[in-house]
N, C-alpha and C. Protein backbone atom coordinates (compact mmCIF):
# COMPACT_ATOMS: atom_id res chain seq x y z
N GLN A 1 -10.14 -5.44 0.16
CA GLN A 1 -10.72 -7.42 1.08
C GLN A 1 -11.71 -8.10 0.23
N GLU A 2 -12.58 -7.19 0.06
CA GLU A 2 -14.10 -7.97 -0.71
C GLU A 2 -13.71 -8.57 -1.66
N GLN A 3 -12.73 -7.72 -3.54
CA GLN A 3 -12.50 -8.44 -4.45
C GLN A 3 -11.48 -9.04 -4.45
N LEU A 4 -10.33 -9.66 -3.06
CA LEU A 4 -9.34 -10.22 -3.65
C LEU A 4 -9.46 -11.82 -3.05
N GLY A 5 -10.14 -10.85 -1.56
CA GLY A 5 -9.69 -12.51 -0.52
C GLY A 5 -8.33 -12.19 0.52
N ASP A 6 -8.62 -13.70 0.86
CA ASP A 6 -7.04 -13.93 1.26
C ASP A 6 -6.03 -14.19 0.79
N LEU A 7 -5.48 -13.04 1.40
CA LEU A 7 -3.35 -13.24 0.99
C LEU A 7 -2.42 -13.13 1.20
N VAL A 8 -1.79 -14.25 0.38
CA VAL A 8 -1.42 -15.26 0.88
C VAL A 8 0.50 -14.88 0.33
N PHE A 9 0.71 -13.41 -0.41
CA PHE A 9 1.98 -12.80 -0.51
C PHE A 9 1.94 -11.93 -0.89
N VAL A 10 3.09 -10.85 -0.10
CA VAL A 10 3.07 -9.61 -0.80
C VAL A 10 4.48 -9.58 -0.91
N GLU A 11 4.39 -8.70 -2.43
CA GLU A 11 5.76 -8.31 -2.61
C GLU A 11 6.42 -6.70 -2.38
N LEU A 12 7.48 -6.79 -1.31
CA LEU A 12 7.42 -4.95 -0.73
C LEU A 12 8.43 -3.93 -1.67
N PRO A 13 8.40 -3.10 -1.41
CA PRO A 13 9.37 -2.61 -2.19
C PRO A 13 11.06 -2.75 -1.86
N GLU A 14 12.01 -2.40 -1.91
CA GLU A 14 13.03 -1.85 -1.72
C GLU A 14 13.35 -0.64 -0.85
N THR A 15 14.11 -0.36 0.12
CA THR A 15 13.59 1.09 0.85
C THR A 15 15.18 1.29 -0.29
N GLY A 16 15.14 3.30 -0.32
CA GLY A 16 16.23 3.59 -0.87
C GLY A 16 14.79 3.84 -2.98
N LYS A 17 14.11 3.21 -2.60
CA LYS A 17 13.25 3.00 -4.37
C LYS A 17 12.82 4.23 -3.84
N LYS A 18 12.80 4.36 -5.96
CA LYS A 18 12.27 6.39 -5.48
C LYS A 18 10.76 5.88 -6.23
N LEU A 19 9.88 5.98 -6.83
CA LEU A 19 8.40 6.53 -7.01
C LEU A 19 7.87 7.20 -7.75
N THR A 20 6.87 7.09 -8.32
CA THR A 20 6.93 8.46 -8.46
C THR A 20 4.98 7.72 -9.02
N LYS A 21 4.23 9.16 -8.71
CA LYS A 21 2.86 8.69 -8.64
C LYS A 21 2.14 7.85 -9.95
N GLY A 22 1.31 6.99 -9.56
CA GLY A 22 0.99 6.16 -10.08
C GLY A 22 2.35 4.21 -10.46
N ASP A 23 3.22 5.06 -10.28
CA ASP A 23 4.01 3.68 -9.85
C ASP A 23 3.79 2.14 -9.47
N THR A 24 3.93 0.72 -9.87
CA THR A 24 3.04 0.08 -8.92
C THR A 24 4.99 0.21 -7.30
N ALA A 25 3.93 0.35 -6.04
CA ALA A 25 4.68 0.00 -5.29
C ALA A 25 4.84 -1.40 -4.60
N VAL A 26 3.52 -1.81 -4.75
CA VAL A 26 3.82 -3.81 -3.45
C VAL A 26 2.72 -3.98 -5.05
N VAL A 27 3.15 -5.69 -4.80
CA VAL A 27 2.38 -5.94 -5.12
C VAL A 27 1.64 -7.34 -4.22
N VAL A 28 0.23 -6.87 -4.22
CA VAL A 28 0.00 -8.36 -3.41
C VAL A 28 -0.98 -9.53 -4.08
N GLU A 29 -0.99 -10.73 -3.45
CA GLU A 29 -1.54 -11.97 -4.60
C GLU A 29 -2.48 -12.52 -3.23
N SER A 30 -3.74 -12.43 -3.81
CA SER A 30 -4.43 -13.94 -2.97
C SER A 30 -4.67 -15.09 -3.28
N VAL A 31 -5.57 -15.71 -3.29
CA VAL A 31 -5.68 -17.01 -3.80
C VAL A 31 -6.68 -16.88 -4.94
N LYS A 32 -7.01 -15.55 -4.85
CA LYS A 32 -8.27 -15.39 -6.65
C LYS A 32 -7.46 -14.90 -7.67
N ALA A 33 -6.39 -13.59 -7.19
CA ALA A 33 -5.40 -12.55 -7.99
C ALA A 33 -4.17 -12.11 -7.58
N ALA A 34 -3.97 -11.59 -8.16
CA ALA A 34 -2.75 -10.60 -7.64
C ALA A 34 -3.06 -9.56 -9.06
N SER A 35 -2.67 -8.17 -7.28
CA SER A 35 -3.40 -6.40 -7.33
C SER A 35 -2.00 -5.99 -7.39
N ASP A 36 -1.19 -4.94 -8.29
CA ASP A 36 -0.87 -3.69 -8.09
C ASP A 36 -0.88 -3.23 -7.31
N VAL A 37 -0.45 -2.44 -6.39
CA VAL A 37 -1.00 -1.19 -5.55
C VAL A 37 0.00 -0.35 -5.89
N TYR A 38 -0.22 1.59 -6.37
CA TYR A 38 0.29 2.01 -6.89
C TYR A 38 0.54 3.53 -6.21
N ALA A 39 1.78 3.27 -6.03
CA ALA A 39 1.80 4.84 -5.27
C ALA A 39 1.05 6.46 -5.31
N PRO A 40 0.70 6.43 -4.27
CA PRO A 40 -0.27 7.75 -3.75
C PRO A 40 0.36 8.95 -4.58
N VAL A 41 2.15 9.60 -4.00
CA VAL A 41 2.38 11.06 -4.75
C VAL A 41 3.73 10.18 -5.52
N ASP A 42 5.10 11.14 -5.12
CA ASP A 42 5.97 10.93 -6.12
C ASP A 42 6.50 10.72 -5.07
N GLY A 43 7.96 9.88 -4.21
CA GLY A 43 8.68 10.25 -2.89
C GLY A 43 9.94 8.96 -3.44
N GLU A 44 10.50 8.67 -2.06
CA GLU A 44 10.94 7.39 -1.98
C GLU A 44 11.35 6.90 -0.58
N ILE A 45 11.06 5.56 -1.11
CA ILE A 45 10.56 3.93 0.00
C ILE A 45 12.09 4.44 1.64
N THR A 46 10.89 4.36 2.11
CA THR A 46 12.56 4.79 3.82
C THR A 46 12.08 3.65 4.60
N GLU A 47 11.04 2.63 4.20
CA GLU A 47 10.60 1.47 5.15
C GLU A 47 9.91 0.38 4.42
N ALA A 48 9.69 -0.66 4.25
CA ALA A 48 9.01 -1.32 3.76
C ALA A 48 8.31 -2.60 5.02
N ASN A 49 7.46 -2.96 5.41
CA ASN A 49 6.86 -3.67 6.13
C ASN A 49 6.93 -5.50 6.30
N GLY A 50 7.75 -5.78 6.56
CA GLY A 50 9.05 -6.90 6.92
C GLY A 50 7.84 -7.55 7.45
N THR A 51 7.18 -7.51 8.45
CA THR A 51 6.43 -8.02 8.99
C THR A 51 5.24 -9.22 7.98
N LEU A 52 5.18 -8.58 6.79
CA LEU A 52 3.73 -9.41 6.11
C LEU A 52 4.82 -9.84 5.14
N SER A 53 5.83 -9.97 5.16
CA SER A 53 6.43 -11.05 4.71
C SER A 53 6.14 -12.58 4.92
N SER A 54 5.74 -13.27 6.47
CA SER A 54 5.69 -13.50 6.85
C SER A 54 4.18 -13.72 7.87
N ASP A 55 3.10 -12.33 7.37
CA ASP A 55 2.17 -12.43 7.76
C ASP A 55 1.53 -11.98 6.90
N PRO A 56 1.71 -11.81 5.37
CA PRO A 56 0.61 -11.02 4.54
C PRO A 56 -1.21 -9.71 4.54
N SER A 57 -1.86 -11.37 5.47
CA SER A 57 -2.98 -11.40 6.52
C SER A 57 -3.22 -10.33 6.92
N LEU A 58 -2.45 -9.44 8.22
CA LEU A 58 -2.16 -8.51 8.16
C LEU A 58 -2.87 -7.73 7.10
N VAL A 59 -2.33 -7.19 6.08
CA VAL A 59 -3.10 -6.06 5.28
C VAL A 59 -4.85 -5.85 5.41
N ASN A 60 -4.95 -7.56 5.58
CA ASN A 60 -7.06 -7.08 5.39
C ASN A 60 -7.01 -7.24 7.09
N SER A 61 -6.61 -7.38 8.49
CA SER A 61 -7.01 -7.94 9.27
C SER A 61 -6.71 -6.42 9.84
N ALA A 62 -5.67 -5.71 9.51
CA ALA A 62 -4.93 -4.50 10.45
C ALA A 62 -4.67 -3.61 9.45
N ALA A 63 -5.60 -3.19 8.64
CA ALA A 63 -5.11 -2.46 8.56
C ALA A 63 -4.89 -1.34 8.21
N THR A 64 -4.78 -0.64 9.40
CA THR A 64 -4.65 0.81 9.64
C THR A 64 -3.86 0.77 10.96
N GLY A 65 -3.61 -0.26 10.60
CA GLY A 65 -2.02 -1.04 11.63
C GLY A 65 -1.21 -1.29 11.63
N ALA A 66 -0.68 -3.12 12.10
CA ALA A 66 0.78 -3.91 10.96
C ALA A 66 0.24 -4.07 10.45
N GLY A 67 -0.56 -3.70 9.45
CA GLY A 67 -0.68 -4.42 8.43
C GLY A 67 -0.51 -2.94 7.36
N TRP A 68 0.63 -2.38 7.54
CA TRP A 68 0.92 -1.03 6.90
C TRP A 68 1.63 -1.68 5.45
N LEU A 69 2.05 -0.92 4.08
CA LEU A 69 2.89 -1.70 4.00
C LEU A 69 4.39 -1.25 3.56
N TRP A 70 4.09 0.56 3.08
CA TRP A 70 5.48 1.35 3.33
C TRP A 70 4.91 2.69 3.59
N LYS A 71 6.51 2.93 4.23
CA LYS A 71 6.96 4.41 4.50
C LYS A 71 8.05 4.92 3.06
N MET A 72 7.58 7.04 3.09
CA MET A 72 7.98 7.56 1.90
C MET A 72 8.22 8.61 2.52
N LYS A 73 9.83 9.21 2.31
CA LYS A 73 9.62 10.65 1.96
C LYS A 73 9.32 11.04 0.95
N LEU A 74 8.25 12.04 0.92
CA LEU A 74 7.65 12.43 0.26
C LEU A 74 8.54 13.36 -0.90
N ALA A 75 8.63 13.58 -1.61
CA ALA A 75 9.04 14.70 -3.14
C ALA A 75 8.48 15.96 -3.11
N ASP A 76 7.14 15.55 -3.06
CA ASP A 76 6.24 17.55 -3.69
C ASP A 76 5.33 17.11 -2.66
N GLU A 77 4.78 17.17 -0.79
CA GLU A 77 3.55 17.26 0.22
C GLU A 77 2.96 18.14 -1.07
N SER A 78 2.88 19.21 -1.42
CA SER A 78 1.55 19.04 -2.18
C SER A 78 0.21 17.88 -2.72
N GLN A 79 1.43 17.63 -3.49
CA GLN A 79 0.43 16.24 -3.62
C GLN A 79 -0.38 15.16 -2.98
N LEU A 80 -0.13 15.48 -1.68
CA LEU A 80 -1.16 14.90 -0.33
C LEU A 80 -2.56 15.97 -0.64
N ALA A 81 -2.77 16.77 -1.16
CA ALA A 81 -3.56 18.32 -1.59
C ALA A 81 -5.01 17.10 -2.68
N GLY A 82 -4.31 15.90 -2.87
CA GLY A 82 -5.19 15.89 -4.08
C GLY A 82 -5.83 13.80 -3.86
N LEU A 83 -5.50 13.89 -1.91
CA LEU A 83 -5.29 12.66 -1.61
C LEU A 83 -7.15 12.37 -0.97
N MET A 84 -8.08 11.46 -0.80
CA MET A 84 -8.86 11.45 -0.06
C MET A 84 -8.57 11.22 1.35
N ASP A 85 -9.38 11.78 2.57
CA ASP A 85 -8.94 11.61 4.16
C ASP A 85 -9.55 9.99 3.78
N GLU A 86 -10.05 9.61 4.87
CA GLU A 86 -11.18 8.52 5.42
C GLU A 86 -11.92 7.87 5.27
N ALA A 87 -12.72 9.23 4.99
CA ALA A 87 -14.14 9.46 5.62
C ALA A 87 -14.29 9.16 4.32
N ALA A 88 -14.26 10.06 2.76
CA ALA A 88 -13.35 10.31 1.66
C ALA A 88 -13.83 8.60 0.67
N TYR A 89 -12.98 8.38 1.55
CA TYR A 89 -12.68 6.90 1.23
C TYR A 89 -13.43 5.98 0.95
N LYS A 90 -14.48 6.07 2.47
CA LYS A 90 -14.92 4.96 2.94
C LYS A 90 -16.52 5.06 2.46
N ALA A 91 -17.06 6.26 1.94
CA ALA A 91 -17.67 6.57 1.00
C ALA A 91 -17.33 5.85 -0.64
N HIS A 92 -16.35 6.95 -0.72
CA HIS A 92 -15.84 6.61 -2.14
C HIS A 92 -16.46 4.88 -2.48
N ILE A 93 -16.05 3.96 -1.16
CA ILE A 93 -15.67 2.94 -1.62
C ILE A 93 -17.40 1.63 -1.14
N GLY A 94 -18.19 2.34 -0.96
CA GLY A 94 -19.99 2.15 -0.07
C GLY A 94 -19.58 2.06 1.05
């Protein structure tokens, strides 16, 4: 949020798109820059949050609620073990 500022556009993935960990899943654009959001695990997109097309600010204002980006069917659930939980992420970003 602090690095990008206010979001003005979100490019969402298509339903059915297969992603490999590290692939660009979403592109967010702000008044400052465009940034890629990478897939944290392998899987297939089952739903993207179309609401963000008309209100991209939800990514910042309601990140853990209405601002979600996509849902996916996991290809390998064991990859989840390598992800941070909310507390670890908050500690990581300071």
